[in-house]
Amino acid sequence: MSSISSVGGSSQAWAALSAQRSQQQAKMFAKVDTDGSGSVDASELGKLLTKVSEKTGTSVGDASEVLKTMDSDGDGALSSD
C-alpha cells in the first residue's frame, strides 16, 4: 500500500513542477513582450537575441530568420503558445 500512496505523491510533485515551469515561462514571455501586446514581434525578438549574444559571446542569429522558423501560424509574431 505504501508504494501506491507514494505514486500519488509523485504525481502531485510533478504537477507542482509543471505549474511552476508554466509560471516561469509566462514571466519570461512577458519580459520579452515589452509592448504588452501578448505576442513577440521581430523587434522584441531582436532585442532578446542581442542580449543573449552579448551575454554568451556567440551569435544567435537574425531575428527575422529566427521568427520565420518559430512562427508556426505565419502571423509575423510569436504567441506564448
N, C-alpha and C. Protein backbone atom coordinates (compact mmCIF):
# COMPACT_ATOMS: atom_id res chain seq x y z
N MET A 1 0.81 -1.20 0.00
CA MET A 1 0.00 0.00 0.00
C MET A 1 0.86 1.26 0.00
N SER A 2 2.00 1.21 0.64
CA SER A 2 2.81 2.42 0.70
C SER A 2 3.32 2.83 -0.67
N SER A 3 3.55 1.86 -1.56
CA SER A 3 4.02 2.21 -2.90
C SER A 3 2.94 2.92 -3.70
N ILE A 4 1.69 2.55 -3.49
CA ILE A 4 0.60 3.22 -4.20
C ILE A 4 0.47 4.66 -3.72
N SER A 5 0.55 4.88 -2.43
CA SER A 5 0.42 6.25 -1.93
C SER A 5 1.61 7.11 -2.35
N SER A 6 2.78 6.50 -2.49
CA SER A 6 3.93 7.30 -2.92
C SER A 6 3.81 7.68 -4.38
N VAL A 7 3.14 6.86 -5.19
CA VAL A 7 2.90 7.21 -6.59
C VAL A 7 2.01 8.44 -6.66
N GLY A 8 1.00 8.49 -5.81
CA GLY A 8 0.13 9.67 -5.76
C GLY A 8 0.89 10.91 -5.38
N GLY A 9 1.80 10.78 -4.43
CA GLY A 9 2.63 11.91 -4.03
C GLY A 9 3.55 12.36 -5.14
N SER A 10 4.05 11.41 -5.92
CA SER A 10 4.92 11.75 -7.05
C SER A 10 4.16 12.52 -8.11
N SER A 11 2.93 12.12 -8.38
CA SER A 11 2.16 12.83 -9.40
C SER A 11 1.85 14.25 -8.96
N GLN A 12 1.63 14.44 -7.67
CA GLN A 12 1.41 15.79 -7.16
C GLN A 12 2.67 16.64 -7.29
N ALA A 13 3.82 16.03 -7.06
CA ALA A 13 5.08 16.75 -7.19
C ALA A 13 5.32 17.15 -8.64
N TRP A 14 5.04 16.24 -9.58
CA TRP A 14 5.20 16.55 -11.00
C TRP A 14 4.23 17.66 -11.42
N ALA A 15 3.02 17.62 -10.91
CA ALA A 15 2.03 18.66 -11.23
C ALA A 15 2.50 20.01 -10.72
N ALA A 16 3.06 20.03 -9.52
CA ALA A 16 3.56 21.28 -8.95
C ALA A 16 4.73 21.82 -9.76
N LEU A 17 5.64 20.93 -10.18
CA LEU A 17 6.77 21.36 -11.01
C LEU A 17 6.31 21.89 -12.36
N SER A 18 5.31 21.24 -12.92
CA SER A 18 4.77 21.67 -14.21
C SER A 18 4.13 23.06 -14.09
N ALA A 19 3.38 23.27 -13.03
CA ALA A 19 2.76 24.57 -12.80
C ALA A 19 3.82 25.65 -12.59
N GLN A 20 4.85 25.31 -11.84
CA GLN A 20 5.93 26.27 -11.60
C GLN A 20 6.65 26.62 -12.90
N ARG A 21 6.88 25.62 -13.75
CA ARG A 21 7.53 25.86 -15.04
C ARG A 21 6.66 26.75 -15.93
N SER A 22 5.36 26.51 -15.93
CA SER A 22 4.45 27.33 -16.72
C SER A 22 4.47 28.78 -16.26
N GLN A 23 4.50 28.98 -14.96
CA GLN A 23 4.56 30.34 -14.42
C GLN A 23 5.86 31.03 -14.81
N GLN A 24 6.96 30.29 -14.76
CA GLN A 24 8.27 30.84 -15.12
C GLN A 24 8.28 31.22 -16.60
N GLN A 25 7.72 30.36 -17.45
CA GLN A 25 7.67 30.64 -18.88
C GLN A 25 6.82 31.88 -19.15
N ALA A 26 5.71 32.03 -18.45
CA ALA A 26 4.85 33.19 -18.62
C ALA A 26 5.58 34.48 -18.23
N LYS A 27 6.36 34.42 -17.15
CA LYS A 27 7.14 35.59 -16.72
C LYS A 27 8.20 35.95 -17.76
N MET A 28 8.87 34.93 -18.29
CA MET A 28 9.90 35.17 -19.30
C MET A 28 9.28 35.77 -20.57
N PHE A 29 8.14 35.24 -20.99
CA PHE A 29 7.47 35.73 -22.18
C PHE A 29 7.06 37.19 -21.99
N ALA A 30 6.48 37.51 -20.83
CA ALA A 30 6.06 38.88 -20.54
C ALA A 30 7.25 39.83 -20.55
N LYS A 31 8.39 39.37 -20.11
CA LYS A 31 9.59 40.21 -20.09
C LYS A 31 10.04 40.55 -21.52
N VAL A 32 9.91 39.59 -22.43
CA VAL A 32 10.30 39.82 -23.82
C VAL A 32 9.24 40.64 -24.55
N ASP A 33 7.98 40.44 -24.22
CA ASP A 33 6.86 41.16 -24.83
C ASP A 33 6.79 42.57 -24.22
N THR A 34 7.72 43.42 -24.63
CA THR A 34 7.88 44.73 -23.99
C THR A 34 6.70 45.67 -24.21
N ASP A 35 5.95 45.49 -25.29
CA ASP A 35 4.81 46.38 -25.53
C ASP A 35 3.50 45.84 -24.95
N GLY A 36 3.55 44.66 -24.35
CA GLY A 36 2.38 44.08 -23.70
C GLY A 36 1.28 43.65 -24.65
N SER A 37 1.63 43.39 -25.90
CA SER A 37 0.62 43.03 -26.90
C SER A 37 0.16 41.58 -26.80
N GLY A 38 0.88 40.77 -26.05
CA GLY A 38 0.54 39.36 -25.96
C GLY A 38 1.26 38.52 -27.00
N SER A 39 2.11 39.17 -27.78
CA SER A 39 2.93 38.45 -28.77
C SER A 39 4.29 39.11 -28.87
N VAL A 40 5.25 38.38 -29.40
CA VAL A 40 6.61 38.88 -29.56
C VAL A 40 6.86 39.06 -31.05
N ASP A 41 7.13 40.31 -31.45
CA ASP A 41 7.40 40.58 -32.86
C ASP A 41 8.90 40.56 -33.13
N ALA A 42 9.28 40.82 -34.36
CA ALA A 42 10.70 40.75 -34.76
C ALA A 42 11.56 41.72 -33.97
N SER A 43 11.05 42.89 -33.69
CA SER A 43 11.81 43.89 -32.93
C SER A 43 12.09 43.40 -31.51
N GLU A 44 11.07 42.90 -30.85
CA GLU A 44 11.24 42.39 -29.48
C GLU A 44 12.16 41.17 -29.46
N LEU A 45 11.98 40.29 -30.43
CA LEU A 45 12.84 39.12 -30.52
C LEU A 45 14.28 39.53 -30.79
N GLY A 46 14.47 40.55 -31.64
CA GLY A 46 15.81 41.05 -31.93
C GLY A 46 16.51 41.57 -30.69
N LYS A 47 15.77 42.27 -29.84
CA LYS A 47 16.35 42.78 -28.59
C LYS A 47 16.78 41.63 -27.70
N LEU A 48 15.95 40.59 -27.62
CA LEU A 48 16.30 39.43 -26.81
C LEU A 48 17.54 38.74 -27.36
N LEU A 49 17.59 38.53 -28.67
CA LEU A 49 18.73 37.84 -29.28
C LEU A 49 20.02 38.64 -29.10
N THR A 50 19.91 39.97 -29.16
CA THR A 50 21.08 40.82 -28.94
C THR A 50 21.61 40.64 -27.52
N LYS A 51 20.70 40.64 -26.55
CA LYS A 51 21.11 40.45 -25.15
C LYS A 51 21.76 39.09 -24.95
N VAL A 52 21.17 38.05 -25.55
CA VAL A 52 21.73 36.70 -25.43
C VAL A 52 23.12 36.66 -26.05
N SER A 53 23.26 37.27 -27.23
CA SER A 53 24.57 37.29 -27.90
C SER A 53 25.61 38.01 -27.07
N GLU A 54 25.22 39.14 -26.48
CA GLU A 54 26.16 39.90 -25.65
C GLU A 54 26.60 39.11 -24.43
N LYS A 55 25.66 38.42 -23.80
CA LYS A 55 25.99 37.68 -22.58
C LYS A 55 26.76 36.40 -22.85
N THR A 56 26.51 35.77 -23.99
CA THR A 56 27.17 34.49 -24.27
C THR A 56 28.39 34.64 -25.17
N GLY A 57 28.48 35.76 -25.86
CA GLY A 57 29.59 35.96 -26.78
C GLY A 57 29.46 35.19 -28.07
N THR A 58 28.26 34.69 -28.34
CA THR A 58 28.01 33.96 -29.58
C THR A 58 26.86 34.60 -30.34
N SER A 59 26.88 34.45 -31.65
CA SER A 59 25.80 34.97 -32.47
C SER A 59 24.64 34.00 -32.44
N VAL A 60 23.47 34.49 -32.11
CA VAL A 60 22.29 33.63 -32.02
C VAL A 60 21.57 33.57 -33.36
N GLY A 61 21.73 34.59 -34.16
CA GLY A 61 21.08 34.61 -35.47
C GLY A 61 20.27 35.86 -35.68
N ASP A 62 19.80 36.00 -36.89
CA ASP A 62 18.98 37.14 -37.29
C ASP A 62 17.56 36.96 -36.77
N ALA A 63 17.01 38.00 -36.15
CA ALA A 63 15.67 37.91 -35.55
C ALA A 63 14.61 37.56 -36.59
N SER A 64 14.70 38.13 -37.77
CA SER A 64 13.70 37.85 -38.81
C SER A 64 13.73 36.38 -39.22
N GLU A 65 14.92 35.83 -39.34
CA GLU A 65 15.05 34.42 -39.72
C GLU A 65 14.58 33.49 -38.59
N VAL A 66 14.94 33.84 -37.37
CA VAL A 66 14.51 33.03 -36.22
C VAL A 66 12.98 33.09 -36.10
N LEU A 67 12.43 34.27 -36.30
CA LEU A 67 10.98 34.44 -36.24
C LEU A 67 10.28 33.59 -37.30
N LYS A 68 10.79 33.61 -38.51
CA LYS A 68 10.19 32.79 -39.58
C LYS A 68 10.19 31.32 -39.20
N THR A 69 11.28 30.87 -38.60
CA THR A 69 11.39 29.46 -38.21
C THR A 69 10.41 29.10 -37.10
N MET A 70 10.23 30.00 -36.15
CA MET A 70 9.41 29.70 -34.97
C MET A 70 7.93 30.06 -35.14
N ASP A 71 7.59 30.89 -36.10
CA ASP A 71 6.23 31.39 -36.28
C ASP A 71 5.37 30.35 -37.00
N SER A 72 4.76 29.46 -36.24
CA SER A 72 4.04 28.33 -36.84
C SER A 72 2.76 28.74 -37.56
N ASP A 73 2.14 29.85 -37.18
CA ASP A 73 0.91 30.25 -37.86
C ASP A 73 1.12 31.35 -38.90
N GLY A 74 2.36 31.81 -39.05
CA GLY A 74 2.70 32.76 -40.10
C GLY A 74 2.15 34.16 -39.93
N ASP A 75 1.83 34.55 -38.69
CA ASP A 75 1.27 35.88 -38.49
C ASP A 75 2.34 36.95 -38.22
N GLY A 76 3.61 36.55 -38.23
CA GLY A 76 4.68 37.52 -38.04
C GLY A 76 5.02 37.81 -36.59
N ALA A 77 4.48 37.02 -35.68
CA ALA A 77 4.75 37.21 -34.26
C ALA A 77 4.68 35.86 -33.55
N LEU A 78 5.25 35.83 -32.36
CA LEU A 78 5.23 34.62 -31.55
C LEU A 78 4.25 34.80 -30.40
N SER A 79 3.39 33.83 -30.21
CA SER A 79 2.49 33.85 -29.06
C SER A 79 3.11 33.04 -27.94
N SER A 80 2.52 33.09 -26.78
CA SER A 80 3.06 32.32 -25.67
C SER A 80 2.84 30.82 -25.89
N ASP A 81 1.93 30.47 -26.75
CA ASP A 81 1.71 29.04 -27.06
C ASP A 81 2.89 28.49 -27.81
